[in-house]
Amino acid sequence: RDFLEKDLGIEGMKKSIIVCATSDKAALVRLKGAFTATAIA
Protein backbone atom coordinates (compact mmCIF):
# COMPACT_ATOMS: atom_id res chain seq x y z
CA ARG A 1 0.00 0.00 0.00
CA ASP A 2 2.88 2.36 0.79
CA PHE A 3 4.41 1.76 -2.63
CA LEU A 4 1.08 2.27 -4.44
CA GLU A 5 0.16 5.52 -2.70
CA LYS A 6 3.49 7.08 -1.72
CA ASP A 7 6.01 5.93 -4.32
CA LEU A 8 3.81 5.32 -7.37
CA GLY A 9 0.94 7.79 -6.89
CA ILE A 10 -2.18 8.31 -9.01
CA GLU A 11 -0.24 9.34 -12.14
CA GLY A 12 2.04 6.33 -11.96
CA MET A 13 -0.93 3.93 -11.50
CA LYS A 14 -2.67 4.99 -14.73
CA LYS A 15 -0.15 3.19 -16.95
CA SER A 16 0.92 0.54 -14.42
CA ILE A 17 0.04 -3.06 -13.62
CA ILE A 18 1.05 -4.33 -10.19
CA VAL A 19 1.73 -8.00 -9.43
CA CYS A 20 1.91 -8.57 -5.71
CA ALA A 21 2.98 -11.75 -3.87
CA THR A 22 3.70 -10.82 -0.25
CA SER A 23 6.06 -12.71 2.07
CA ASP A 24 3.19 -14.60 3.77
CA LYS A 25 2.17 -16.33 0.52
CA ALA A 26 3.25 -19.86 -0.38
CA ALA A 27 6.76 -20.14 -1.84
CA LEU A 28 5.35 -21.29 -5.18
CA VAL A 29 3.06 -18.23 -5.42
CA ARG A 30 6.01 -15.90 -4.74
CA LEU A 31 7.99 -17.69 -7.44
CA LYS A 32 5.13 -17.56 -9.95
CA GLY A 33 4.57 -13.86 -9.23
CA ALA A 34 7.85 -13.05 -11.01
CA PHE A 35 6.89 -15.17 -14.04
CA THR A 36 3.35 -13.69 -14.09
CA ALA A 37 4.75 -10.14 -14.28
CA THR A 38 7.20 -11.18 -17.02
CA ALA A 39 4.41 -12.86 -19.05
CA ILE A 40 2.25 -9.68 -18.83
CA ALA A 41 5.24 -7.58 -19.96
PDB file of all heavy atoms in Angstrom:
ATOM      1  N   ARG A   1       0.838  -1.213   0.000  1.00  0.00           N
ATOM      2  CA  ARG A   1       0.000   0.000   0.000  1.00  0.00           C
ATOM      3  C   ARG A   1       0.871   1.261   0.000  1.00  0.00           C
ATOM      4  O   ARG A   1       0.557   2.249  -0.677  1.00  0.00           O
ATOM      5  CB  ARG A   1      -0.913  -0.027   1.233  1.00  0.00           C
ATOM      6  CG  ARG A   1      -2.022   1.009   1.237  1.00  0.00           C
ATOM      7  CD  ARG A   1      -3.093   0.666   0.232  1.00  0.00           C
ATOM      8  NE  ARG A   1      -4.187   1.603   0.181  1.00  0.00           N
ATOM      9  CZ  ARG A   1      -5.320   1.420   0.828  1.00  0.00           C
ATOM     10  NH1 ARG A   1      -5.513   0.299   1.541  1.00  0.00           N
ATOM     11  NH2 ARG A   1      -6.289   2.296   0.725  1.00  0.00           N
ATOM     12  N   ASP A   2       1.954   1.228   0.755  1.00  0.00           N
ATOM     13  CA  ASP A   2       2.885   2.364   0.787  1.00  0.00           C
ATOM     14  C   ASP A   2       3.431   2.658  -0.597  1.00  0.00           C
ATOM     15  O   ASP A   2       3.501   3.809  -1.027  1.00  0.00           O
ATOM     16  CB  ASP A   2       4.052   2.074   1.744  1.00  0.00           C
ATOM     17  CG  ASP A   2       3.693   2.350   3.199  1.00  0.00           C
ATOM     18  OD1 ASP A   2       2.541   2.749   3.448  1.00  0.00           O
ATOM     19  OD2 ASP A   2       4.564   2.171   4.076  1.00  0.00           O
ATOM     20  N   PHE A   3       3.834   1.588  -1.298  1.00  0.00           N
ATOM     21  CA  PHE A   3       4.409   1.763  -2.631  1.00  0.00           C
ATOM     22  C   PHE A   3       3.373   2.327  -3.598  1.00  0.00           C
ATOM     23  O   PHE A   3       3.671   3.228  -4.387  1.00  0.00           O
ATOM     24  CB  PHE A   3       4.945   0.423  -3.160  1.00  0.00           C
ATOM     25  CG  PHE A   3       5.612   0.526  -4.507  1.00  0.00           C
ATOM     26  CD1 PHE A   3       6.934   0.939  -4.608  1.00  0.00           C
ATOM     27  CD2 PHE A   3       4.931   0.236  -5.674  1.00  0.00           C
ATOM     28  CE1 PHE A   3       7.548   1.064  -5.851  1.00  0.00           C
ATOM     29  CE2 PHE A   3       5.536   0.347  -6.913  1.00  0.00           C
ATOM     30  CZ  PHE A   3       6.847   0.755  -7.001  1.00  0.00           C
ATOM     31  N   LEU A   4       2.135   1.831  -3.525  1.00  0.00           N
ATOM     32  CA  LEU A   4       1.084   2.273  -4.440  1.00  0.00           C
ATOM     33  C   LEU A   4       0.756   3.741  -4.238  1.00  0.00           C
ATOM     34  O   LEU A   4       0.606   4.500  -5.199  1.00  0.00           O
ATOM     35  CB  LEU A   4      -0.184   1.434  -4.236  1.00  0.00           C
ATOM     36  CG  LEU A   4      -0.113  -0.059  -4.591  1.00  0.00           C
ATOM     37  CD1 LEU A   4      -1.446  -0.729  -4.343  1.00  0.00           C
ATOM     38  CD2 LEU A   4       0.314  -0.263  -6.026  1.00  0.00           C
ATOM     39  N   GLU A   5       0.632   4.160  -2.981  1.00  0.00           N
ATOM     40  CA  GLU A   5       0.160   5.519  -2.696  1.00  0.00           C
ATOM     41  C   GLU A   5       1.297   6.536  -2.584  1.00  0.00           C
ATOM     42  O   GLU A   5       1.156   7.666  -3.041  1.00  0.00           O
ATOM     43  CB  GLU A   5      -0.678   5.503  -1.410  1.00  0.00           C
ATOM     44  CG  GLU A   5      -1.984   4.710  -1.574  1.00  0.00           C
ATOM     45  CD  GLU A   5      -2.863   4.733  -0.341  1.00  0.00           C
ATOM     46  OE1 GLU A   5      -2.510   5.434   0.639  1.00  0.00           O
ATOM     47  OE2 GLU A   5      -3.898   4.036  -0.332  1.00  0.00           O
ATOM     48  N   LYS A   6       2.395   6.136  -1.962  1.00  0.00           N
ATOM     49  CA  LYS A   6       3.491   7.082  -1.718  1.00  0.00           C
ATOM     50  C   LYS A   6       4.487   7.143  -2.877  1.00  0.00           C
ATOM     51  O   LYS A   6       4.834   8.209  -3.382  1.00  0.00           O
ATOM     52  CB  LYS A   6       4.221   6.709  -0.423  1.00  0.00           C
ATOM     53  CG  LYS A   6       5.371   7.654  -0.038  1.00  0.00           C
ATOM     54  CD  LYS A   6       5.859   7.381   1.370  1.00  0.00           C
ATOM     55  CE  LYS A   6       6.577   6.073   1.488  1.00  0.00           C
ATOM     56  NZ  LYS A   6       7.951   6.041   0.937  1.00  0.00           N
ATOM     57  N   ASP A   7       4.965   5.970  -3.298  1.00  0.00           N
ATOM     58  CA  ASP A   7       6.010   5.931  -4.322  1.00  0.00           C
ATOM     59  C   ASP A   7       5.458   6.047  -5.741  1.00  0.00           C
ATOM     60  O   ASP A   7       6.019   6.726  -6.588  1.00  0.00           O
ATOM     61  CB  ASP A   7       6.835   4.640  -4.192  1.00  0.00           C
ATOM     62  CG  ASP A   7       7.595   4.570  -2.868  1.00  0.00           C
ATOM     63  OD1 ASP A   7       8.014   5.640  -2.387  1.00  0.00           O
ATOM     64  OD2 ASP A   7       7.759   3.473  -2.315  1.00  0.00           O
ATOM     65  N   LEU A   8       4.343   5.352  -6.005  1.00  0.00           N
ATOM     66  CA  LEU A   8       3.811   5.321  -7.371  1.00  0.00           C
ATOM     67  C   LEU A   8       2.853   6.477  -7.625  1.00  0.00           C
ATOM     68  O   LEU A   8       2.990   7.208  -8.605  1.00  0.00           O
ATOM     69  CB  LEU A   8       3.115   3.971  -7.611  1.00  0.00           C
ATOM     70  CG  LEU A   8       2.874   3.555  -9.059  1.00  0.00           C
ATOM     71  CD1 LEU A   8       4.174   3.529  -9.830  1.00  0.00           C
ATOM     72  CD2 LEU A   8       2.234   2.155  -9.102  1.00  0.00           C
ATOM     73  N   GLY A   9       1.892   6.678  -6.745  1.00  0.00           N
ATOM     74  CA  GLY A   9       0.939   7.787  -6.891  1.00  0.00           C
ATOM     75  C   GLY A   9      -0.111   7.538  -7.963  1.00  0.00           C
ATOM     76  O   GLY A   9      -0.060   6.553  -8.710  1.00  0.00           O
ATOM     77  N   ILE A  10      -1.063   8.459  -8.071  1.00  0.00           N
ATOM     78  CA  ILE A  10      -2.183   8.310  -9.012  1.00  0.00           C
ATOM     79  C   ILE A  10      -1.699   8.321 -10.459  1.00  0.00           C
ATOM     80  O   ILE A  10      -2.140   7.539 -11.297  1.00  0.00           O
ATOM     81  CB  ILE A  10      -3.232   9.430  -8.775  1.00  0.00           C
ATOM     82  CG1 ILE A  10      -3.837   9.300  -7.372  1.00  0.00           C
ATOM     83  CG2 ILE A  10      -4.333   9.385  -9.827  1.00  0.00           C
ATOM     84  CD1 ILE A  10      -4.656  10.482  -6.915  1.00  0.00           C
ATOM     85  N   GLU A  11      -0.754   9.239 -10.769  1.00  0.00           N
ATOM     86  CA  GLU A  11      -0.236   9.342 -12.137  1.00  0.00           C
ATOM     87  C   GLU A  11       0.478   8.067 -12.566  1.00  0.00           C
ATOM     88  O   GLU A  11       0.305   7.591 -13.695  1.00  0.00           O
ATOM     89  CB  GLU A  11       0.729  10.535 -12.247  1.00  0.00           C
ATOM     90  CG  GLU A  11       0.034  11.889 -12.311  1.00  0.00           C
ATOM     91  CD  GLU A  11      -0.931  12.007 -13.495  1.00  0.00           C
ATOM     92  OE1 GLU A  11      -0.516  11.707 -14.623  1.00  0.00           O
ATOM     93  OE2 GLU A  11      -2.101  12.367 -13.263  1.00  0.00           O
ATOM     94  N   GLY A  12       1.301   7.553 -11.655  1.00  0.00           N
ATOM     95  CA  GLY A  12       2.040   6.326 -11.958  1.00  0.00           C
ATOM     96  C   GLY A  12       1.127   5.126 -12.162  1.00  0.00           C
ATOM     97  O   GLY A  12       1.404   4.246 -12.989  1.00  0.00           O
ATOM     98  N   MET A  13      -0.011   5.068 -11.427  1.00  0.00           N
ATOM     99  CA  MET A  13      -0.925   3.927 -11.503  1.00  0.00           C
ATOM    100  C   MET A  13      -1.650   3.832 -12.833  1.00  0.00           C
ATOM    101  O   MET A  13      -2.027   2.750 -13.268  1.00  0.00           O
ATOM    102  CB  MET A  13      -1.965   3.986 -10.369  1.00  0.00           C
ATOM    103  CG  MET A  13      -1.536   3.371  -9.077  1.00  0.00           C
ATOM    104  SD  MET A  13      -1.154   1.615  -9.138  1.00  0.00           S
ATOM    105  CE  MET A  13      -2.769   0.885  -9.293  1.00  0.00           C
ATOM    106  N   LYS A  14      -1.868   4.984 -13.504  1.00  0.00           N
ATOM    107  CA  LYS A  14      -2.674   4.995 -14.735  1.00  0.00           C
ATOM    108  C   LYS A  14      -2.105   4.092 -15.822  1.00  0.00           C
ATOM    109  O   LYS A  14      -2.842   3.502 -16.602  1.00  0.00           O
ATOM    110  CB  LYS A  14      -2.802   6.430 -15.252  1.00  0.00           C
ATOM    111  CG  LYS A  14      -3.771   7.282 -14.436  1.00  0.00           C
ATOM    112  CD  LYS A  14      -3.848   8.694 -14.989  1.00  0.00           C
ATOM    113  CE  LYS A  14      -4.766   9.577 -14.131  1.00  0.00           C
ATOM    114  NZ  LYS A  14      -4.741  10.981 -14.600  1.00  0.00           N
ATOM    115  N   LYS A  15      -0.769   4.022 -15.899  1.00  0.00           N
ATOM    116  CA  LYS A  15      -0.152   3.193 -16.948  1.00  0.00           C
ATOM    117  C   LYS A  15       0.579   1.984 -16.357  1.00  0.00           C
ATOM    118  O   LYS A  15       1.438   1.386 -17.004  1.00  0.00           O
ATOM    119  CB  LYS A  15       0.797   4.034 -17.807  1.00  0.00           C
ATOM    120  CG  LYS A  15       1.973   4.655 -17.074  1.00  0.00           C
ATOM    121  CD  LYS A  15       2.935   5.316 -18.039  1.00  0.00           C
ATOM    122  CE  LYS A  15       4.185   5.843 -17.302  1.00  0.00           C
ATOM    123  NZ  LYS A  15       5.168   6.444 -18.225  1.00  0.00           N
ATOM    124  N   SER A  16       0.208   1.616 -15.123  1.00  0.00           N
ATOM    125  CA  SER A  16       0.924   0.542 -14.421  1.00  0.00           C
ATOM    126  C   SER A  16       0.026  -0.663 -14.141  1.00  0.00           C
ATOM    127  O   SER A  16      -1.190  -0.533 -14.007  1.00  0.00           O
ATOM    128  CB  SER A  16       1.505   1.051 -13.095  1.00  0.00           C
ATOM    129  OG  SER A  16       2.442   2.078 -13.317  1.00  0.00           O
ATOM    130  N   ILE A  17       0.678  -1.813 -14.052  1.00  0.00           N
ATOM    131  CA  ILE A  17       0.038  -3.056 -13.621  1.00  0.00           C
ATOM    132  C   ILE A  17       0.906  -3.613 -12.495  1.00  0.00           C
ATOM    133  O   ILE A  17       2.114  -3.791 -12.678  1.00  0.00           O
ATOM    134  CB  ILE A  17      -0.052  -4.065 -14.788  1.00  0.00           C
ATOM    135  CG1 ILE A  17      -0.865  -3.469 -15.947  1.00  0.00           C
ATOM    136  CG2 ILE A  17      -0.651  -5.380 -14.319  1.00  0.00           C
ATOM    137  CD1 ILE A  17      -0.529  -4.059 -17.286  1.00  0.00           C
ATOM    138  N   ILE A  18       0.304  -3.882 -11.362  1.00  0.00           N
ATOM    139  CA  ILE A  18       1.052  -4.334 -10.187  1.00  0.00           C
ATOM    140  C   ILE A  18       0.787  -5.818  -9.957  1.00  0.00           C
ATOM    141  O   ILE A  18      -0.367  -6.251  -9.914  1.00  0.00           O
ATOM    142  CB  ILE A  18       0.653  -3.546  -8.905  1.00  0.00           C
ATOM    143  CG1 ILE A  18       0.554  -2.045  -9.178  1.00  0.00           C
ATOM    144  CG2 ILE A  18       1.632  -3.837  -7.767  1.00  0.00           C
ATOM    145  CD1 ILE A  18       1.796  -1.368  -9.570  1.00  0.00           C
ATOM    146  N   VAL A  19       1.842  -6.594  -9.826  1.00  0.00           N
ATOM    147  CA  VAL A  19       1.730  -8.001  -9.433  1.00  0.00           C
ATOM    148  C   VAL A  19       2.317  -8.116  -8.035  1.00  0.00           C
ATOM    149  O   VAL A  19       3.472  -7.770  -7.811  1.00  0.00           O
ATOM    150  CB  VAL A  19       2.471  -8.940 -10.408  1.00  0.00           C
ATOM    151  CG1 VAL A  19       2.378 -10.381  -9.942  1.00  0.00           C
ATOM    152  CG2 VAL A  19       1.907  -8.802 -11.817  1.00  0.00           C
ATOM    153  N   CYS A  20       1.528  -8.609  -7.118  1.00  0.00           N
ATOM    154  CA  CYS A  20       1.915  -8.570  -5.711  1.00  0.00           C
ATOM    155  C   CYS A  20       1.826  -9.970  -5.094  1.00  0.00           C
ATOM    156  O   CYS A  20       0.760 -10.582  -5.101  1.00  0.00           O
ATOM    157  CB  CYS A  20       0.999  -7.556  -5.010  1.00  0.00           C
ATOM    158  SG  CYS A  20       0.849  -7.751  -3.323  1.00  0.00           S
ATOM    159  N   ALA A  21       2.936 -10.461  -4.588  1.00  0.00           N
ATOM    160  CA  ALA A  21       2.976 -11.746  -3.868  1.00  0.00           C
ATOM    161  C   ALA A  21       3.759 -11.506  -2.581  1.00  0.00           C
ATOM    162  O   ALA A  21       4.995 -11.546  -2.570  1.00  0.00           O
ATOM    163  CB  ALA A  21       3.634 -12.823  -4.715  1.00  0.00           C
ATOM    164  N   THR A  22       3.054 -11.206  -1.502  1.00  0.00           N
ATOM    165  CA  THR A  22       3.698 -10.822  -0.245  1.00  0.00           C
ATOM    166  C   THR A  22       4.395 -12.010   0.423  1.00  0.00           C
ATOM    167  O   THR A  22       4.189 -13.160   0.043  1.00  0.00           O
ATOM    168  CB  THR A  22       2.670 -10.199   0.722  1.00  0.00           C
ATOM    169  OG1 THR A  22       1.528 -11.068   0.809  1.00  0.00           O
ATOM    170  CG2 THR A  22       2.225  -8.835   0.229  1.00  0.00           C
ATOM    171  N   SER A  23       5.196 -11.701   1.442  1.00  0.00           N
ATOM    172  CA  SER A  23       6.055 -12.710   2.070  1.00  0.00           C
ATOM    173  C   SER A  23       5.281 -13.827   2.763  1.00  0.00           C
ATOM    174  O   SER A  23       5.817 -14.904   3.004  1.00  0.00           O
ATOM    175  CB  SER A  23       7.002 -12.039   3.082  1.00  0.00           C
ATOM    176  OG  SER A  23       6.256 -11.291   4.031  1.00  0.00           O
ATOM    177  N   ASP A  24       3.986 -13.580   3.090  1.00  0.00           N
ATOM    178  CA  ASP A  24       3.194 -14.602   3.772  1.00  0.00           C
ATOM    179  C   ASP A  24       2.614 -15.641   2.813  1.00  0.00           C
ATOM    180  O   ASP A  24       2.070 -16.658   3.261  1.00  0.00           O
ATOM    181  CB  ASP A  24       2.045 -13.946   4.557  1.00  0.00           C
ATOM    182  CG  ASP A  24       1.112 -13.163   3.633  1.00  0.00           C
ATOM    183  OD1 ASP A  24       1.611 -12.242   2.973  1.00  0.00           O
ATOM    184  OD2 ASP A  24      -0.103 -13.459   3.575  1.00  0.00           O
ATOM    185  N   LYS A  25       2.714 -15.393   1.498  1.00  0.00           N
ATOM    186  CA  LYS A  25       2.168 -16.327   0.517  1.00  0.00           C
ATOM    187  C   LYS A  25       3.074 -17.559   0.382  1.00  0.00           C
ATOM    188  O   LYS A  25       4.249 -17.535   0.755  1.00  0.00           O
ATOM    189  CB  LYS A  25       2.027 -15.646  -0.851  1.00  0.00           C
ATOM    190  CG  LYS A  25       1.087 -14.439  -0.862  1.00  0.00           C
ATOM    191  CD  LYS A  25      -0.335 -14.828  -0.530  1.00  0.00           C
ATOM    192  CE  LYS A  25      -1.266 -13.607  -0.570  1.00  0.00           C
ATOM    193  NZ  LYS A  25      -2.613 -13.951  -0.082  1.00  0.00           N
ATOM    194  N   ALA A  26       2.492 -18.627  -0.163  1.00  0.00           N
ATOM    195  CA  ALA A  26       3.252 -19.861  -0.378  1.00  0.00           C
ATOM    196  C   ALA A  26       4.451 -19.586  -1.288  1.00  0.00           C
ATOM    197  O   ALA A  26       4.401 -18.715  -2.160  1.00  0.00           O
ATOM    198  CB  ALA A  26       2.341 -20.916  -0.997  1.00  0.00           C
ATOM    199  N   ALA A  27       5.523 -20.343  -1.074  1.00  0.00           N
ATOM    200  CA  ALA A  27       6.764 -20.141  -1.845  1.00  0.00           C
ATOM    201  C   ALA A  27       6.510 -20.213  -3.344  1.00  0.00           C
ATOM    202  O   ALA A  27       7.073 -19.434  -4.126  1.00  0.00           O
ATOM    203  CB  ALA A  27       7.801 -21.184  -1.429  1.00  0.00           C
ATOM    204  N   LEU A  28       5.629 -21.120  -3.751  1.00  0.00           N
ATOM    205  CA  LEU A  28       5.349 -21.288  -5.179  1.00  0.00           C
ATOM    206  C   LEU A  28       4.633 -20.067  -5.750  1.00  0.00           C
ATOM    207  O   LEU A  28       4.878 -19.675  -6.903  1.00  0.00           O
ATOM    208  CB  LEU A  28       4.501 -22.555  -5.390  1.00  0.00           C
ATOM    209  CG  LEU A  28       4.470 -23.134  -6.810  1.00  0.00           C
ATOM    210  CD1 LEU A  28       5.875 -23.434  -7.309  1.00  0.00           C
ATOM    211  CD2 LEU A  28       3.634 -24.407  -6.858  1.00  0.00           C
ATOM    212  N   VAL A  29       3.767 -19.439  -4.963  1.00  0.00           N
ATOM    213  CA  VAL A  29       3.058 -18.233  -5.418  1.00  0.00           C
ATOM    214  C   VAL A  29       4.041 -17.072  -5.582  1.00  0.00           C
ATOM    215  O   VAL A  29       3.968 -16.312  -6.547  1.00  0.00           O
ATOM    216  CB  VAL A  29       1.923 -17.860  -4.437  1.00  0.00           C
ATOM    217  CG1 VAL A  29       1.266 -16.537  -4.831  1.00  0.00           C
ATOM    218  CG2 VAL A  29       0.882 -18.971  -4.378  1.00  0.00           C
ATOM    219  N   ARG A  30       4.986 -16.942  -4.631  1.00  0.00           N
ATOM    220  CA  ARG A  30       6.014 -15.901  -4.741  1.00  0.00           C
ATOM    221  C   ARG A  30       6.868 -16.099  -5.987  1.00  0.00           C
ATOM    222  O   ARG A  30       7.213 -15.153  -6.687  1.00  0.00           O
ATOM    223  CB  ARG A  30       6.902 -15.897  -3.494  1.00  0.00           C
ATOM    224  CG  ARG A  30       6.266 -15.205  -2.281  1.00  0.00           C
ATOM    225  CD  ARG A  30       7.178 -15.280  -1.078  1.00  0.00           C
ATOM    226  NE  ARG A  30       6.947 -16.504  -0.327  1.00  0.00           N
ATOM    227  CZ  ARG A  30       7.901 -17.219   0.265  1.00  0.00           C
ATOM    228  NH1 ARG A  30       9.164 -16.900   0.143  1.00  0.00           N
ATOM    229  NH2 ARG A  30       7.586 -18.286   0.947  1.00  0.00           N
ATOM    230  N   LEU A  31       7.191 -17.358  -6.248  1.00  0.00           N
ATOM    231  CA  LEU A  31       7.989 -17.686  -7.437  1.00  0.00           C
ATOM    232  C   LEU A  31       7.214 -17.352  -8.712  1.00  0.00           C
ATOM    233  O   LEU A  31       7.747 -16.704  -9.618  1.00  0.00           O
ATOM    234  CB  LEU A  31       8.350 -19.175  -7.408  1.00  0.00           C
ATOM    235  CG  LEU A  31       9.333 -19.653  -8.495  1.00  0.00           C
ATOM    236  CD1 LEU A  31      10.761 -19.334  -8.094  1.00  0.00           C
ATOM    237  CD2 LEU A  31       9.190 -21.161  -8.700  1.00  0.00           C
ATOM    238  N   LYS A  32       5.952 -17.775  -8.755  1.00  0.00           N
ATOM    239  CA  LYS A  32       5.129 -17.564  -9.954  1.00  0.00           C
ATOM    240  C   LYS A  32       4.818 -16.089 -10.176  1.00  0.00           C
ATOM    241  O   LYS A  32       4.562 -15.675 -11.302  1.00  0.00           O
ATOM    242  CB  LYS A  32       3.821 -18.361  -9.856  1.00  0.00           C
ATOM    243  CG  LYS A  32       4.021 -19.879  -9.830  1.00  0.00           C
ATOM    244  CD  LYS A  32       4.706 -20.375 -11.085  1.00  0.00           C
ATOM    245  CE  LYS A  32       4.979 -21.871 -11.032  1.00  0.00           C
ATOM    246  NZ  LYS A  32       5.810 -22.322 -12.184  1.00  0.00           N
ATOM    247  N   GLY A  33       4.815 -15.291  -9.104  1.00  0.00           N
ATOM    248  CA  GLY A  33       4.571 -13.856  -9.234  1.00  0.00           C
ATOM    249  C   GLY A  33       5.553 -13.203 -10.201  1.00  0.00           C
ATOM    250  O   GLY A  33       5.168 -12.345 -11.019  1.00  0.00           O
ATOM    251  N   ALA A  34       6.824 -13.608 -10.121  1.00  0.00           N
ATOM    252  CA  ALA A  34       7.852 -13.053 -11.014  1.00  0.00           C
ATOM    253  C   ALA A  34       7.578 -13.451 -12.462  1.00  0.00           C
ATOM    254  O   ALA A  34       7.703 -12.629 -13.384  1.00  0.00           O
ATOM    255  CB  ALA A  34       9.230 -13.546 -10.581  1.00  0.00           C
ATOM    256  N   PHE A  35       7.168 -14.707 -12.678  1.00  0.00           N
ATOM    257  CA  PHE A  35       6.886 -15.174 -14.041  1.00  0.00           C
ATOM    258  C   PHE A  35       5.580 -14.571 -14.573  1.00  0.00           C
ATOM    259  O   PHE A  35       5.459 -14.316 -15.775  1.00  0.00           O
ATOM    260  CB  PHE A  35       6.818 -16.704 -14.070  1.00  0.00           C
ATOM    261  CG  PHE A  35       8.159 -17.358 -13.888  1.00  0.00           C
ATOM    262  CD1 PHE A  35       8.460 -18.072 -12.737  1.00  0.00           C
ATOM    263  CD2 PHE A  35       9.132 -17.266 -14.859  1.00  0.00           C
ATOM    264  CE1 PHE A  35       9.694 -18.664 -12.567  1.00  0.00           C
ATOM    265  CE2 PHE A  35      10.383 -17.861 -14.704  1.00  0.00           C
ATOM    266  CZ  PHE A  35      10.658 -18.554 -13.547  1.00  0.00           C
ATOM    267  N   THR A  36       4.608 -14.333 -13.681  1.00  0.00           N
ATOM    268  CA  THR A  36       3.350 -13.694 -14.094  1.00  0.00           C
ATOM    269  C   THR A  36       3.620 -12.287 -14.616  1.00  0.00           C
ATOM    270  O   THR A  36       3.131 -11.907 -15.682  1.00  0.00           O
ATOM    271  CB  THR A  36       2.367 -13.639 -12.895  1.00  0.00           C
ATOM    272  OG1 THR A  36       2.036 -14.971 -12.494  1.00  0.00           O
ATOM    273  CG2 THR A  36       1.094 -12.893 -13.249  1.00  0.00           C
ATOM    274  N   ALA A  37       4.414 -11.513 -13.866  1.00  0.00           N
ATOM    275  CA  ALA A  37       4.748 -10.143 -14.281  1.00  0.00           C
ATOM    276  C   ALA A  37       5.497 -10.151 -15.609  1.00  0.00           C
ATOM    277  O   ALA A  37       5.234  -9.320 -16.494  1.00  0.00           O
ATOM    278  CB  ALA A  37       5.588  -9.472 -13.196  1.00  0.00           C
ATOM    279  N   THR A  38       6.424 -11.089 -15.776  1.00  0.00           N
ATOM    280  CA  THR A  38       7.202 -11.184 -17.017  1.00  0.00           C
ATOM    281  C   THR A  38       6.297 -11.533 -18.198  1.00  0.00           C
ATOM    282  O   THR A  38       6.441 -10.973 -19.291  1.00  0.00           O
ATOM    283  CB  THR A  38       8.331 -12.221 -16.861  1.00  0.00           C
ATOM    284  OG1 THR A  38       9.122 -11.894 -15.702  1.00  0.00           O
ATOM    285  CG2 THR A  38       9.230 -12.243 -18.073  1.00  0.00           C
ATOM    286  N   ALA A  39       5.339 -12.458 -17.979  1.00  0.00           N
ATOM    287  CA  ALA A  39       4.413 -12.857 -19.050  1.00  0.00           C
ATOM    288  C   ALA A  39       3.532 -11.679 -19.473  1.00  0.00           C
ATOM    289  O   ALA A  39       3.275 -11.482 -20.668  1.00  0.00           O
ATOM    290  CB  ALA A  39       3.550 -14.029 -18.591  1.00  0.00           C
ATOM    291  N   ILE A  40       3.066 -10.868 -18.512  1.00  0.00           N
ATOM    292  CA  ILE A  40       2.252  -9.684 -18.834  1.00  0.00           C
ATOM    293  C   ILE A  40       3.078  -8.680 -19.641  1.00  0.00           C
ATOM    294  O   ILE A  40       2.600  -8.105 -20.627  1.00  0.00           O
ATOM    295  CB  ILE A  40       1.702  -9.037 -17.541  1.00  0.00           C
ATOM    296  CG1 ILE A  40       0.694  -9.984 -16.868  1.00  0.00           C
ATOM    297  CG2 ILE A  40       1.051  -7.692 -17.826  1.00  0.00           C
ATOM    298  CD1 ILE A  40       0.293  -9.564 -15.456  1.00  0.00           C
ATOM    299  N   ALA A  41       4.338  -8.476 -19.220  1.00  0.00           N
ATOM    300  CA  ALA A  41       5.240  -7.578 -19.960  1.00  0.00           C
ATOM    301  C   ALA A  41       5.446  -8.086 -21.389  1.00  0.00           C
ATOM    302  O   ALA A  41       5.479  -7.291 -22.342  1.00  0.00           O
ATOM    303  CB  ALA A  41       6.572  -7.463 -19.223  1.00  0.00           C
TER     304      ALA A  41
END
